[in-house]
Protein backbone atom coordinates (compact mmCIF):
# COMPACT_ATOMS: atom_id res chain seq x y z
CA UNK A 1 0.00 0.00 0.00
CA UNK A 2 2.86 2.43 0.80
CA UNK A 3 4.51 1.71 -2.58
CA UNK A 4 1.22 2.57 -4.36
CA UNK A 5 1.06 5.90 -2.50
CA UNK A 6 4.71 6.68 -3.32
CA UNK A 7 4.07 6.04 -7.01
CA UNK A 8 0.84 8.05 -7.16
CA UNK A 9 0.63 11.52 -8.67
CA UNK A 10 -0.60 12.97 -5.36
CA UNK A 11 2.59 11.88 -3.57
CA UNK A 12 4.72 13.24 -6.43
CA UNK A 13 2.96 16.62 -6.25
CA UNK A 14 3.36 16.67 -2.45
CA UNK A 15 7.11 16.04 -2.66
CA UNK A 16 7.50 18.66 -5.40
CA UNK A 17 5.62 21.28 -3.37
CA UNK A 18 7.08 20.40 0.07
CA UNK A 19 10.53 18.84 -0.39
CA UNK A 20 11.55 19.41 3.26
CA UNK A 21 8.30 18.17 4.86
CA UNK A 22 8.15 14.94 6.85
CA UNK A 23 5.39 12.43 7.73
CA UNK A 24 5.14 11.33 11.38
CA UNK A 25 2.90 8.33 12.24
CA UNK A 26 1.63 7.69 15.78
CA UNK A 27 -0.50 4.89 17.27
CA UNK A 28 -3.05 6.65 19.49
CA UNK A 29 -5.35 3.93 20.79
CA UNK A 30 -6.69 0.39 20.22
CA UNK A 31 -10.49 0.30 20.38
CA UNK A 32 -12.74 -2.65 19.52
CA UNK A 33 -9.76 -4.52 17.94
CA UNK A 34 -9.05 -1.56 15.66
CA UNK A 35 -5.82 0.43 15.55
CA UNK A 36 -6.30 4.21 15.67
CA UNK A 37 -3.37 5.88 13.89
CA UNK A 38 -2.61 9.60 13.47
CA UNK A 39 -0.27 10.95 10.77
CA UNK A 40 1.07 14.52 10.91
CA UNK A 41 2.77 16.44 8.10
CA UNK A 42 5.46 18.68 9.59
CA UNK A 43 7.77 21.23 8.04
CA UNK A 44 10.30 21.97 10.75
CA UNK A 45 8.31 22.67 13.95
CA UNK A 46 5.14 23.63 12.04
CA UNK A 47 2.33 21.06 11.67
CA UNK A 48 0.76 21.53 8.22
CA UNK A 49 -2.00 18.85 8.32
CA UNK A 50 -3.19 15.86 10.38
CA UNK A 51 -5.02 12.68 9.35
CA UNK A 52 -6.71 9.98 11.46
CA UNK A 53 -7.78 6.48 10.50
CA UNK A 54 -8.79 3.20 12.12
CA UNK A 55 -8.57 -0.40 10.84
CA UNK A 56 -8.03 -3.91 12.13
CA UNK A 57 -4.67 -3.92 10.32
CA UNK A 58 -2.26 -1.26 11.48
CA UNK A 59 -0.63 -0.94 8.01
CA UNK A 60 -3.95 -0.09 6.35
CA UNK A 61 -4.80 2.38 9.11
CA UNK A 62 -1.44 4.09 8.66
CA UNK A 63 -1.77 4.25 4.85
CA UNK A 64 -5.25 5.75 5.03
CA UNK A 65 -4.11 8.33 7.59
CA UNK A 66 -1.27 9.36 5.24
CA UNK A 67 -3.70 9.74 2.33
CA UNK A 68 -6.08 11.85 4.41
CA UNK A 69 -3.31 14.12 5.68
CA UNK A 70 -1.96 14.77 2.16
CA UNK A 71 -5.46 15.29 0.73
CA UNK A 72 -6.29 17.68 3.59
CA UNK A 73 -3.07 19.63 2.95
CA UNK A 74 -4.01 20.13 -0.71
CA UNK A 75 -7.55 21.17 0.22
CA UNK A 76 -6.12 24.01 2.39
CA UNK A 77 -3.61 25.23 -0.22
CA UNK A 78 -4.72 27.69 -2.92
CA UNK A 79 -4.87 26.50 -6.57
CA UNK A 80 -1.91 27.38 -8.79
CA UNK A 81 -2.17 30.72 -10.56
CA UNK A 82 -2.23 30.39 -14.38
CA UNK A 83 0.80 31.76 -16.22
CA UNK A 84 -0.09 34.56 -18.65
CA UNK A 85 0.39 33.73 -22.35
CA UNK A 86 1.78 36.49 -24.51
CA UNK A 87 -0.38 37.05 -27.60
CA UNK A 88 1.21 38.93 -30.50
CA UNK A 89 -1.23 41.26 -32.22
CA UNK A 90 -1.69 40.65 -35.95
CA UNK A 91 -1.28 43.80 -38.09
CA UNK A 92 -4.42 44.90 -39.92
CA UNK A 93 -3.92 46.71 -43.23
CA UNK A 94 -6.26 49.68 -43.64
CA UNK A 95 -8.57 49.53 -46.65
CA UNK A 96 -8.56 52.71 -48.80
CA UNK A 97 -11.87 54.53 -49.05
CA UNK A 98 -12.57 56.53 -52.23
CA UNK A 99 -14.26 59.90 -51.56
CA UNK A 100 -17.57 60.53 -53.30
CA UNK A 101 -18.40 63.99 -54.67
CA UNK A 102 -21.84 65.42 -53.90
CA UNK A 103 -23.13 68.20 -56.21
CA UNK A 104 -24.85 71.03 -54.27
CA UNK A 105 -28.48 71.84 -55.17
CA UNK A 106 -29.66 75.48 -55.22
CA UNK A 107 -33.04 76.28 -53.63
CA UNK A 108 -34.83 79.44 -54.76
CA UNK A 109 -36.45 81.42 -51.89
CA UNK A 110 -40.20 82.07 -52.14
CA UNK A 111 -41.34 85.65 -51.44
CA UNK A 112 -43.61 86.18 -48.41
CA UNK A 113 -46.29 88.91 -48.55
CA UNK A 114 -46.80 90.89 -45.30
CA UNK A 115 -50.28 90.62 -43.74
CA UNK A 116 -51.95 93.93 -42.79
CA UNK A 117 -52.60 94.51 -39.06
CA UNK A 118 -55.81 96.30 -38.06
CA UNK A 119 -55.47 99.04 -35.41
CA UNK A 120 -58.23 99.57 -32.87
CA UNK A 121 -58.67 102.77 -30.88
CA UNK A 122 -59.25 102.48 -27.11
CA UNK A 123 -61.15 105.27 -25.37
CA UNK A 124 -60.00 106.13 -21.78
CA UNK A 125 -62.55 105.51 -19.01
CA UNK A 126 -63.01 108.26 -16.43
CA UNK A 127 -61.74 107.49 -12.92
CA UNK A 128 -63.85 108.60 -9.96
CA UNK A 129 -61.93 110.24 -7.07
CA UNK A 130 -61.68 108.20 -3.84
CA UNK A 131 -63.00 109.95 -0.76
CA UNK A 132 -60.54 110.26 2.10
CA UNK A 133 -61.54 108.36 5.30
CA UNK A 134 -62.84 110.49 8.13
CA UNK A 135 -60.84 110.27 11.40
CA UNK A 136 -62.62 108.44 14.27
CA UNK A 137 -62.89 110.12 17.65
CA UNK A 138 -60.14 109.11 20.13
CA UNK A 139 -61.05 106.51 22.72
CA UNK A 140 -60.62 107.39 26.38
CA UNK A 141 -57.53 105.79 27.90
CA UNK A 142 -57.99 104.17 31.31
CA UNK A 143 -56.15 105.75 34.17
CA UNK A 144 -53.09 103.90 35.35
CA UNK A 145 -53.06 102.62 38.91
CA UNK A 146 -49.64 102.20 40.42
CA UNK A 147 -49.28 99.07 42.59
CA UNK A 148 -46.22 98.94 44.77
CA UNK A 149 -44.71 95.52 45.39
CA UNK A 150 -44.10 94.63 49.03
CA UNK A 151 -40.54 95.22 50.07
CA UNK A 152 -38.69 92.00 51.06
CA UNK A 153 -37.88 91.66 54.69
CA UNK A 154 -34.16 91.75 55.42
CA UNK A 155 -32.73 88.40 56.40
CA UNK A 156 -31.15 88.24 59.83
CA UNK A 157 -27.38 88.24 59.68
CA UNK A 158 -25.65 85.26 61.18
CA UNK A 159 -22.28 85.87 62.73
CA UNK A 160 -19.83 83.23 63.72
CA UNK A 161 -16.51 83.98 65.28
CA UNK A 162 -13.50 83.08 63.12
CA UNK A 163 -10.69 81.63 65.15
CA UNK A 164 -7.36 83.39 64.65
CA UNK A 165 -4.66 81.62 62.73
CA UNK A 166 -2.11 80.11 65.07
CA UNK A 167 1.09 78.28 64.69
CA UNK A 168 -0.63 74.86 64.52
CA UNK A 169 -3.25 75.96 61.96
CA UNK A 170 -2.90 74.03 58.68
CA UNK A 171 -3.19 75.81 55.36
CA UNK A 172 -5.06 73.48 52.97
CA UNK A 173 -4.58 75.65 49.91
CA UNK A 174 -1.04 74.39 49.33
CA UNK A 175 -1.89 70.69 49.62
CA UNK A 176 -2.02 68.72 46.29
CA UNK A 177 -5.30 67.22 45.07
CA UNK A 178 -5.70 63.43 45.44
CA UNK A 179 -4.89 61.45 42.27
CA UNK A 180 -7.86 60.17 40.19
CA UNK A 181 -8.88 56.54 40.77
CA UNK A 182 -7.14 54.03 38.55
CA UNK A 183 -9.37 52.49 35.84
CA UNK A 184 -10.53 48.95 36.46
CA UNK A 185 -8.73 46.41 34.27
CA UNK A 186 -10.87 44.86 31.56
CA UNK A 187 -11.49 41.14 31.97
CA UNK A 188 -9.44 39.02 29.64
CA UNK A 189 -11.41 36.90 27.15
CA UNK A 190 -11.66 33.26 28.10
CA UNK A 191 -9.52 31.03 25.94
CA UNK A 192 -11.25 28.04 24.44
CA UNK A 193 -9.90 24.73 25.62
CA UNK A 194 -8.05 22.84 22.91
CA UNK A 195 -9.75 19.67 21.72
CA UNK A 196 -7.75 16.53 22.54
CA UNK A 197 -9.30 13.54 20.78
CA UNK A 198 -7.23 10.96 22.67
CA UNK A 199 -8.07 12.38 26.11
CA UNK A 200 -11.82 12.62 25.42
CA UNK A 201 -11.87 9.14 23.86
CA UNK A 202 -10.26 7.65 26.99
CA UNK A 203 -12.79 9.46 29.21
CA UNK A 204 -15.64 8.08 27.10
CA UNK A 205 -14.27 4.53 27.52
CA UNK A 206 -14.19 4.99 31.31
CA UNK A 207 -17.79 6.30 31.41
CA UNK A 208 -19.00 3.44 29.20
CA UNK A 209 -17.51 0.91 31.64
CA UNK A 210 -19.00 2.85 34.56
CA UNK A 211 -22.58 2.65 33.27
CA UNK A 212 -22.14 -0.84 31.77
CA UNK A 213 -22.47 -0.09 28.06
CA UNK A 214 -20.89 -2.22 25.37
CA UNK A 215 -19.77 -1.17 21.87
CA UNK A 216 -23.07 -2.28 20.31
CA UNK A 217 -25.17 -0.08 22.59
CA UNK A 218 -22.79 2.83 21.99
CA UNK A 219 -23.09 2.41 18.22
CA UNK A 220 -26.92 2.28 18.41
CA UNK A 221 -27.05 5.51 20.45
CA UNK A 222 -24.65 7.37 18.14
CA UNK A 223 -26.59 6.31 15.04
CA UNK A 224 -29.94 7.36 16.57
CA UNK A 225 -28.78 10.76 17.89
CA UNK A 226 -26.06 11.84 15.42
CA UNK A 227 -26.66 9.55 12.44
CA UNK A 228 -23.13 8.11 12.77
CA UNK A 229 -22.37 4.60 14.00
CA UNK A 230 -18.71 5.21 14.97
CA UNK A 231 -17.06 7.53 17.44
CA UNK A 232 -14.19 8.23 15.02
CA UNK A 233 -16.34 10.24 12.61
CA UNK A 234 -17.92 12.51 15.24
CA UNK A 235 -17.09 16.21 15.25
CA UNK A 236 -15.41 18.01 18.14
CA UNK A 237 -18.71 19.39 19.52
CA UNK A 238 -20.43 16.00 19.16
CA UNK A 239 -17.61 14.22 21.02
CA UNK A 240 -17.84 16.67 23.94
CA UNK A 241 -21.63 16.40 24.02
CA UNK A 242 -21.52 12.58 24.01
CA UNK A 243 -19.06 12.59 26.94
CA UNK A 244 -21.33 15.01 28.83
CA UNK A 245 -24.33 12.75 28.16
CA UNK A 246 -22.53 9.71 29.62
CA UNK A 247 -21.47 11.66 32.72
CA UNK A 248 -25.03 12.90 33.26
CA UNK A 249 -26.32 9.34 32.77
CA UNK A 250 -24.07 8.13 35.61
CA UNK A 251 -25.28 10.96 37.89
CA UNK A 252 -28.92 10.01 37.33
CA UNK A 253 -28.18 6.53 38.73
CA UNK A 254 -26.99 8.14 41.97
CA UNK A 255 -29.97 10.50 42.19
CA UNK A 256 -32.48 7.69 41.53
CA UNK A 257 -31.12 5.87 44.57
CA UNK A 258 -31.42 9.02 46.69
CA UNK A 259 -35.04 9.57 45.64
CA UNK A 260 -35.84 5.90 46.14
CA UNK A 261 -37.52 5.37 42.78
CA UNK A 262 -37.95 1.96 41.25
CA UNK A 263 -37.19 1.21 37.61
CA UNK A 264 -40.91 1.32 36.76
CA UNK A 265 -41.35 4.74 38.38
CA UNK A 266 -38.48 6.12 36.30
CA UNK A 267 -39.98 4.70 33.08
CA UNK A 268 -43.42 6.16 33.88
CA UNK A 269 -41.93 9.61 34.45
CA UNK A 270 -39.94 9.52 31.19
CA UNK A 271 -43.03 8.41 29.23
CA UNK A 272 -45.10 11.26 30.67
CA UNK A 273 -42.46 13.96 30.06
CA UNK A 274 -40.82 12.62 26.87
CA UNK A 275 -43.30 10.46 24.91
CA UNK A 276 -40.72 9.67 22.20
CA UNK A 277 -38.30 8.18 24.75
CA UNK A 278 -40.43 5.01 25.27
CA UNK A 279 -39.52 5.19 28.96
CA UNK A 280 -35.76 4.64 28.36
CA UNK A 281 -32.82 6.94 29.03
CA UNK A 282 -31.15 5.59 25.89
CA UNK A 283 -33.66 7.55 23.80
CA UNK A 284 -32.93 10.91 25.48
CA UNK A 285 -30.68 13.60 24.08
CA UNK A 286 -28.03 15.33 26.16
CA UNK A 287 -30.27 18.32 26.98
CA UNK A 288 -33.20 16.05 27.95
CA UNK A 289 -30.91 13.99 30.20
CA UNK A 290 -29.82 17.21 31.97
CA UNK A 291 -33.46 18.17 32.55
CA UNK A 292 -34.15 14.74 34.03
CA UNK A 293 -31.11 15.07 36.35
CA UNK A 294 -32.25 18.54 37.54
CA UNK A 295 -35.68 17.17 38.39
CA UNK A 296 -34.20 14.29 40.40
CA UNK A 297 -31.89 16.63 42.33
CA UNK A 298 -34.79 18.97 43.19
CA UNK A 299 -36.91 16.03 44.34
CA UNK A 300 -34.09 14.68 46.51
CA UNK A 301 -33.48 18.09 48.14
CA UNK A 302 -37.20 18.58 48.88
CA UNK A 303 -37.33 15.14 50.53
CA UNK A 304 -34.35 16.01 52.75
CA UNK A 305 -36.00 19.27 53.86
CA UNK A 306 -39.23 17.43 54.66
CA UNK A 307 -37.51 14.92 56.95
């Protein structure tokens, strides 16, 4: 398989584009009799691409991881820019155009007879004189009454003795002003935790053993919730959510014992709240499992307060 990859055009293009790059293979984990292999393409201390694969034969897993890493590297890189092709313009010979002579045509003007205009006499109309308006008698003006505003009463003077300045008297005018308060530092943005596939996969294996699940039950749950029957093809968010679901599942076992519910009581509650669950926690999503855990914790705390 390695010889086929070395002879392929993809490997030849990779070596031509990255002559100093190296491929590093690493066995991460053995799960369900399958070898999980990771291949990294490095150029110095810089990791260019990473590929994962799983197979019952370690050689096939390693070859597939190499192919994925190289294909992923070429998917990130930009396509080659086309080289411009020089095109020589072809000379075009102008075609001679013979001028055509146009003989001018003379147009004789036609005489225009003037039309007589009739004059009409307008007699002036007499204008009657406008009578001047007679002045109206003056109206009597009311007598003004002076109203004096009440004078404001003088406020009583308050006198307080000022102590004389002594030797121990402090002069506050020469003291400096206090400095302004320092601005509060802005909170730093929270850094997202890096996703470690190997660490989360090991935690999932521990939780599966804790709740007593086998690989078949795990595959059925993943296919029903995410539409994927293997853990290897889950995304980063789906892997974290699946681990959180298993941890919440284990906590519900503890809370059911505290509440004192039987298996039938738990099934009846799930059927009433989540009809699609068929009374089983295997049919719940991660958010529904959290709601079920919150209800059990509230019920347990209310029982403790009652007793």
